[in-house]
Protein backbone atom coordinates (compact mmCIF):
# COMPACT_ATOMS: atom_id res chain seq x y z
CA UNK A 1 13.10 32.61 22.72
CA UNK A 2 9.45 33.27 23.06
CA UNK A 3 7.18 30.36 24.15
CA UNK A 4 4.03 32.01 23.08
CA UNK A 5 5.13 32.46 19.71
CA UNK A 6 6.13 28.64 19.71
CA UNK A 7 3.07 27.33 20.96
CA UNK A 8 -0.06 29.61 19.94
CA UNK A 9 -0.29 28.02 16.46
CA UNK A 10 -0.31 24.36 18.16
CA UNK A 11 -3.51 24.98 20.01
CA UNK A 12 -6.02 23.02 17.91
CA UNK A 13 -6.39 23.88 14.09
CA UNK A 14 -4.94 22.60 10.80
CA UNK A 15 -2.29 24.87 11.22
CA UNK A 16 -1.00 23.09 14.44
CA UNK A 17 -1.39 20.04 13.27
CA UNK A 18 0.47 20.69 10.16
CA UNK A 19 3.35 22.74 12.40
CA UNK A 20 3.68 19.75 14.75
CA UNK A 21 3.92 17.04 11.99
CA UNK A 22 6.53 19.29 9.88
CA UNK A 23 8.79 19.73 13.60
CA UNK A 24 8.40 15.91 13.76
CA UNK A 25 9.98 15.24 10.47
CA UNK A 26 12.52 17.92 11.15
CA UNK A 27 13.38 16.24 14.43
CA UNK A 28 14.11 12.62 12.57
CA UNK A 29 16.20 14.58 10.20
CA UNK A 30 18.22 16.45 13.00
CA UNK A 31 18.95 12.85 14.83
CA UNK A 32 19.49 11.21 11.40
CA UNK A 33 22.32 13.57 10.79
CA UNK A 34 23.81 13.79 14.21
CA UNK A 35 23.26 10.26 15.15
CA UNK A 36 21.88 11.45 18.92
CA UNK A 37 20.24 14.22 19.92
CA UNK A 38 19.08 15.31 23.53
CA UNK A 39 16.16 17.56 24.10
CA UNK A 40 18.16 21.04 24.35
CA UNK A 41 19.49 20.21 21.40
CA UNK A 42 16.55 19.69 19.09
CA UNK A 43 15.03 22.71 20.89
CA UNK A 44 17.70 24.76 19.80
CA UNK A 45 17.70 23.33 16.50
CA UNK A 46 13.98 23.98 15.76
CA UNK A 47 14.02 27.23 17.61
CA UNK A 48 11.35 26.11 19.98
CA UNK A 49 10.86 25.96 23.78
CA UNK A 50 12.20 22.60 25.34
CA UNK A 51 8.83 21.49 26.41
CA UNK A 52 7.39 21.63 22.96
CA UNK A 53 10.70 19.76 21.83
CA UNK A 54 10.00 17.11 24.81
CA UNK A 55 6.52 16.78 23.57
CA UNK A 56 7.27 16.04 19.74
CA UNK A 57 10.05 13.65 21.22
CA UNK A 58 7.82 11.73 23.23
CA UNK A 59 4.96 11.39 20.40
CA UNK A 60 7.67 9.70 17.99
CA UNK A 61 9.04 7.84 21.00
CA UNK A 62 5.54 6.25 21.48
CA UNK A 63 5.56 5.12 17.71
CA UNK A 64 9.23 3.61 18.28
CA UNK A 65 10.64 5.99 15.96
CA UNK A 66 13.11 7.21 18.37
CA UNK A 67 14.45 6.09 21.29
CA UNK A 68 16.51 7.26 24.44
CA UNK A 69 19.78 6.18 25.44
CA UNK A 70 19.79 5.61 29.00
CA UNK A 71 17.21 7.30 31.60
CA UNK A 72 18.31 10.63 30.78
CA UNK A 73 20.03 10.16 27.64
CA UNK A 74 20.03 11.52 24.15
CA UNK A 75 18.06 10.08 21.66
CA UNK A 76 18.57 8.13 18.25
CA UNK A 77 16.49 6.90 15.75
CA UNK A 78 14.62 3.40 16.79
CA UNK A 79 13.50 0.30 14.67
CA UNK A 80 10.03 1.67 14.16
CA UNK A 81 11.64 3.49 11.04
CA UNK A 82 13.12 0.25 9.77
CA UNK A 83 9.89 -1.27 9.64
CA UNK A 84 8.60 1.75 7.66
CA UNK A 85 11.42 1.38 5.38
CA UNK A 86 11.03 -2.32 5.00
CA UNK A 87 7.71 -1.70 3.75
CA UNK A 88 8.69 0.91 1.32
CA UNK A 89 11.59 -1.11 -0.03
CA UNK A 90 9.29 -4.47 -0.56
CA UNK A 91 6.98 -2.19 -2.78
CA UNK A 92 9.96 -1.31 -4.86
CA UNK A 93 11.17 -5.01 -4.97
CA UNK A 94 8.20 -6.41 -5.88
CA UNK A 95 8.04 -3.53 -8.89
CA UNK A 96 11.10 -4.14 -9.89
CA UNK A 97 11.16 -7.87 -10.11
CA UNK A 98 7.88 -8.01 -11.61
CA UNK A 99 8.21 -5.51 -14.31
CA UNK A 100 9.60 -8.07 -16.46
CA UNK A 101 6.94 -11.09 -16.05
CA UNK A 102 4.32 -8.13 -16.46
CA UNK A 103 6.08 -7.48 -20.23
CA UNK A 104 5.81 -11.03 -21.09
CA UNK A 105 2.34 -11.54 -19.89
CA UNK A 106 1.24 -8.08 -21.73
CA UNK A 107 2.93 -9.57 -24.82
CA UNK A 108 1.32 -13.09 -24.39
CA UNK A 109 -2.11 -11.96 -23.65
CA UNK A 110 -2.34 -8.81 -25.46
CA UNK A 111 -4.16 -6.82 -22.59
CA UNK A 112 -2.73 -4.78 -19.74
CA UNK A 113 -1.08 -6.44 -16.84
CA UNK A 114 -0.74 -4.85 -13.03
CA UNK A 115 0.98 -5.18 -10.19
CA UNK A 116 -0.68 -3.73 -7.26
CA UNK A 117 -0.04 -3.31 -3.43
CA UNK A 118 -2.28 -2.01 -0.31
CA UNK A 119 -1.66 0.72 1.54
CA UNK A 120 -4.62 -0.11 3.67
CA UNK A 121 -7.48 1.62 2.16
CA UNK A 122 -6.97 1.42 -1.52
CA UNK A 123 -4.83 -0.58 -3.95
CA UNK A 124 -1.89 1.12 -5.77
CA UNK A 125 -0.29 0.06 -8.84
CA UNK A 126 3.42 -0.14 -8.55
CA UNK A 127 3.95 -1.71 -12.11
CA UNK A 128 2.25 -1.71 -15.58
CA UNK A 129 2.60 -3.02 -19.07
CA UNK A 130 0.56 -2.63 -22.11
CA UNK A 131 -0.55 -5.05 -24.35
CA UNK A 132 -0.71 -5.51 -27.93
CA UNK A 133 -4.13 -5.35 -28.45
CA UNK A 134 -4.45 -2.32 -26.01
CA UNK A 135 -6.06 0.70 -28.09
CA UNK A 136 -5.39 3.03 -25.45
CA UNK A 137 -2.61 2.87 -23.05
CA UNK A 138 -3.38 4.58 -19.69
CA UNK A 139 -0.73 4.92 -17.23
CA UNK A 140 -2.33 3.37 -13.73
CA UNK A 141 1.05 3.30 -11.98
CA UNK A 142 0.88 5.30 -8.54
CA UNK A 143 -2.73 5.58 -8.85
CA UNK A 144 -5.22 4.53 -6.60
CA UNK A 145 -8.02 1.96 -7.01
CA UNK A 146 -11.05 0.81 -4.67
CA UNK A 147 -10.21 -2.37 -2.96
CA UNK A 148 -13.93 -3.25 -2.90
CA UNK A 149 -14.49 -2.81 -6.86
CA UNK A 150 -11.15 -4.20 -8.68
CA UNK A 151 -10.08 -7.69 -8.98
CA UNK A 152 -6.38 -6.77 -7.47
CA UNK A 153 -7.95 -5.04 -4.44
CA UNK A 154 -10.21 -7.96 -3.92
CA UNK A 155 -7.27 -10.31 -3.90
CA UNK A 156 -5.31 -7.77 -1.25
CA UNK A 157 -8.57 -7.86 0.90
CA UNK A 158 -9.13 -11.67 0.87
CA UNK A 159 -5.55 -12.19 2.18
CA UNK A 160 -5.81 -9.06 4.22
CA UNK A 161 -5.26 -9.36 8.10
CA UNK A 162 -8.79 -9.94 9.90
CA UNK A 163 -9.12 -6.79 11.75
CA UNK A 164 -7.67 -4.57 8.81
CA UNK A 165 -10.23 -6.38 6.37
CA UNK A 166 -12.90 -5.35 8.87
CA UNK A 167 -11.88 -1.77 9.27
CA UNK A 168 -12.51 -1.79 5.34
CA UNK A 169 -15.74 -3.52 5.41
CA UNK A 170 -16.86 -0.64 8.21
CA UNK A 171 -16.76 1.79 5.75
CA UNK A 172 -19.56 2.71 3.44
CA UNK A 173 -18.72 1.21 -0.20
CA UNK A 174 -18.92 3.52 -2.92
CA UNK A 175 -20.74 2.07 -6.10
CA UNK A 176 -19.30 2.64 -9.44
CA UNK A 177 -21.36 0.67 -11.70
CA UNK A 178 -24.38 -1.34 -11.24
CA UNK A 179 -22.38 -4.69 -10.78
CA UNK A 180 -20.09 -2.90 -7.93
CA UNK A 181 -20.45 -5.13 -4.65
CA UNK A 182 -21.27 -2.30 -1.92
CA UNK A 183 -23.26 -4.82 0.60
CA UNK A 184 -20.66 -6.31 3.30
CA UNK A 185 -22.41 -9.71 3.88
CA UNK A 186 -22.20 -9.80 -0.08
CA UNK A 187 -18.67 -8.77 -0.18
CA UNK A 188 -17.60 -11.06 2.43
CA UNK A 189 -19.13 -14.13 0.39
CA UNK A 190 -17.12 -12.52 -2.47
CA UNK A 191 -13.73 -12.70 -0.75
CA UNK A 192 -14.40 -15.86 1.07
CA UNK A 193 -14.81 -17.43 -2.71
CA UNK A 194 -11.62 -15.68 -3.93
CA UNK A 195 -9.49 -16.94 -0.93
CA UNK A 196 -10.82 -20.34 -1.35
CA UNK A 197 -10.42 -20.30 -5.69
CA UNK A 198 -7.30 -18.18 -5.35
CA UNK A 199 -8.13 -15.81 -7.62
CA UNK A 200 -10.60 -12.55 -7.88
CA UNK A 201 -12.41 -11.22 -10.98
CA UNK A 202 -13.68 -8.00 -11.72
CA UNK A 203 -16.50 -7.61 -14.25
CA UNK A 204 -17.94 -4.30 -15.14
CA UNK A 205 -17.78 -3.70 -11.37
CA UNK A 206 -15.09 -0.52 -11.83
CA UNK A 207 -15.77 0.75 -14.99
CA UNK A 208 -18.31 -0.31 -17.31
CA UNK A 209 -17.07 -2.27 -20.16
CA UNK A 210 -14.07 -3.33 -18.55
CA UNK A 211 -13.12 -6.81 -17.12
CA UNK A 212 -9.97 -7.94 -14.90
CA UNK A 213 -8.79 -11.01 -13.03
CA UNK A 214 -6.18 -11.00 -10.48
CA UNK A 215 -4.21 -13.54 -8.65
CA UNK A 216 -1.90 -13.14 -5.06
CA UNK A 217 1.69 -12.76 -5.29
CA UNK A 218 3.20 -14.00 -1.92
CA UNK A 219 6.17 -12.27 0.09
CA UNK A 220 8.91 -14.26 1.17
CA UNK A 221 7.01 -14.42 4.70
CA UNK A 222 4.28 -16.32 3.17
CA UNK A 223 1.91 -13.13 3.01
CA UNK A 224 0.34 -11.69 0.31
CA UNK A 225 1.84 -8.18 -0.26
CA UNK A 226 0.79 -7.84 -3.90
CA UNK A 227 -1.50 -9.14 -6.65
CA UNK A 228 -0.97 -9.52 -10.55
CA UNK A 229 -3.48 -8.69 -12.80
CA UNK A 230 -4.80 -9.01 -16.07
CA UNK A 231 -7.42 -6.27 -17.30
CA UNK A 232 -9.15 -5.42 -20.70
CA UNK A 233 -12.50 -4.50 -22.50
CA UNK A 234 -14.94 -6.87 -22.01
CA UNK A 235 -15.47 -7.77 -25.65
CA UNK A 236 -11.86 -8.76 -25.52
CA UNK A 237 -11.79 -10.44 -22.24
CA UNK A 238 -14.87 -11.94 -21.63
CA UNK A 239 -15.94 -14.16 -18.55
CA UNK A 240 -14.66 -17.30 -20.12
CA UNK A 241 -11.64 -15.91 -21.53
CA UNK A 242 -10.49 -14.25 -18.28
CA UNK A 243 -11.10 -17.74 -16.16
CA UNK A 244 -8.97 -19.30 -18.95
CA UNK A 245 -5.84 -17.02 -18.62
CA UNK A 246 -5.86 -17.39 -14.63
CA UNK A 247 -3.50 -19.96 -15.08
CA UNK A 248 -0.79 -17.97 -16.81
CA UNK A 249 -0.98 -15.46 -14.08
CA UNK A 250 -0.55 -17.80 -11.55
CA UNK A 251 2.63 -18.98 -13.31
CA UNK A 252 3.79 -15.26 -13.34
CA UNK A 253 2.64 -14.82 -9.79
CA UNK A 254 4.68 -17.63 -8.71
CA UNK A 255 7.60 -16.18 -10.42
CA UNK A 256 7.69 -12.96 -9.01
CA UNK A 257 7.23 -14.70 -5.48
CA UNK A 258 10.00 -17.00 -5.99
CA UNK A 259 12.21 -14.05 -6.59
CA UNK A 260 10.99 -12.07 -3.55
CA UNK A 261 11.98 -15.30 -1.54
CA UNK A 262 8.88 -17.04 -1.28
CA UNK A 263 9.22 -20.98 -1.56
CA UNK A 264 6.35 -23.74 -1.76
CA UNK A 265 6.97 -26.66 0.59
């Protein structure tokens, strides 16, 4: 095999970066299929030089995705993958377990009810049910929404780890309407209120004419991994009604949390 053929595309640029990522994923698949594999085995399977295989494996080891058995032993998958899998499983669980609650609340309130989780930079809707009063049913499942401009996002931000929240607030906050909070200081005050009162609101902050309110859904470990929200047009979900449905939302969130293994003392 030729070292120059293997290394040349990796000398900077997007092509080399994408190729390295693809090879790293292939290494994980090789180890998963075989149970364990040495550098020579991996290099042969990828048709690359041993030095390239060693560099890629070292990067995966640094991220705790693979681990070496013994000083010069073969590599096996590591606990880092379990952590990633657990995060995915948690999202699937909250969507599956929360769907009946969303359906019941949508029928009761007549508006769209969503469950959202955070990917660190945005909120992602994982479950949705449209209410009987909804004129247009827009599917938000799988779509990303800004944390600072949505009620669900504000909940996720308010209960986010401090350093993660600071990272979000360091970035420029996009304005979507005249009501969008785009000043970090003002958003910090808003998040403090959300945390203190236990719910978030978004009155035409993401979209003109649209109101929403959200509450946290606690995970088994006591952290907030998701939020439950109701969204509707301002004329059907005015500010007073939005606040009035918080109690019903909290009951739904508590039901989902209990299904996830969270128990209040």
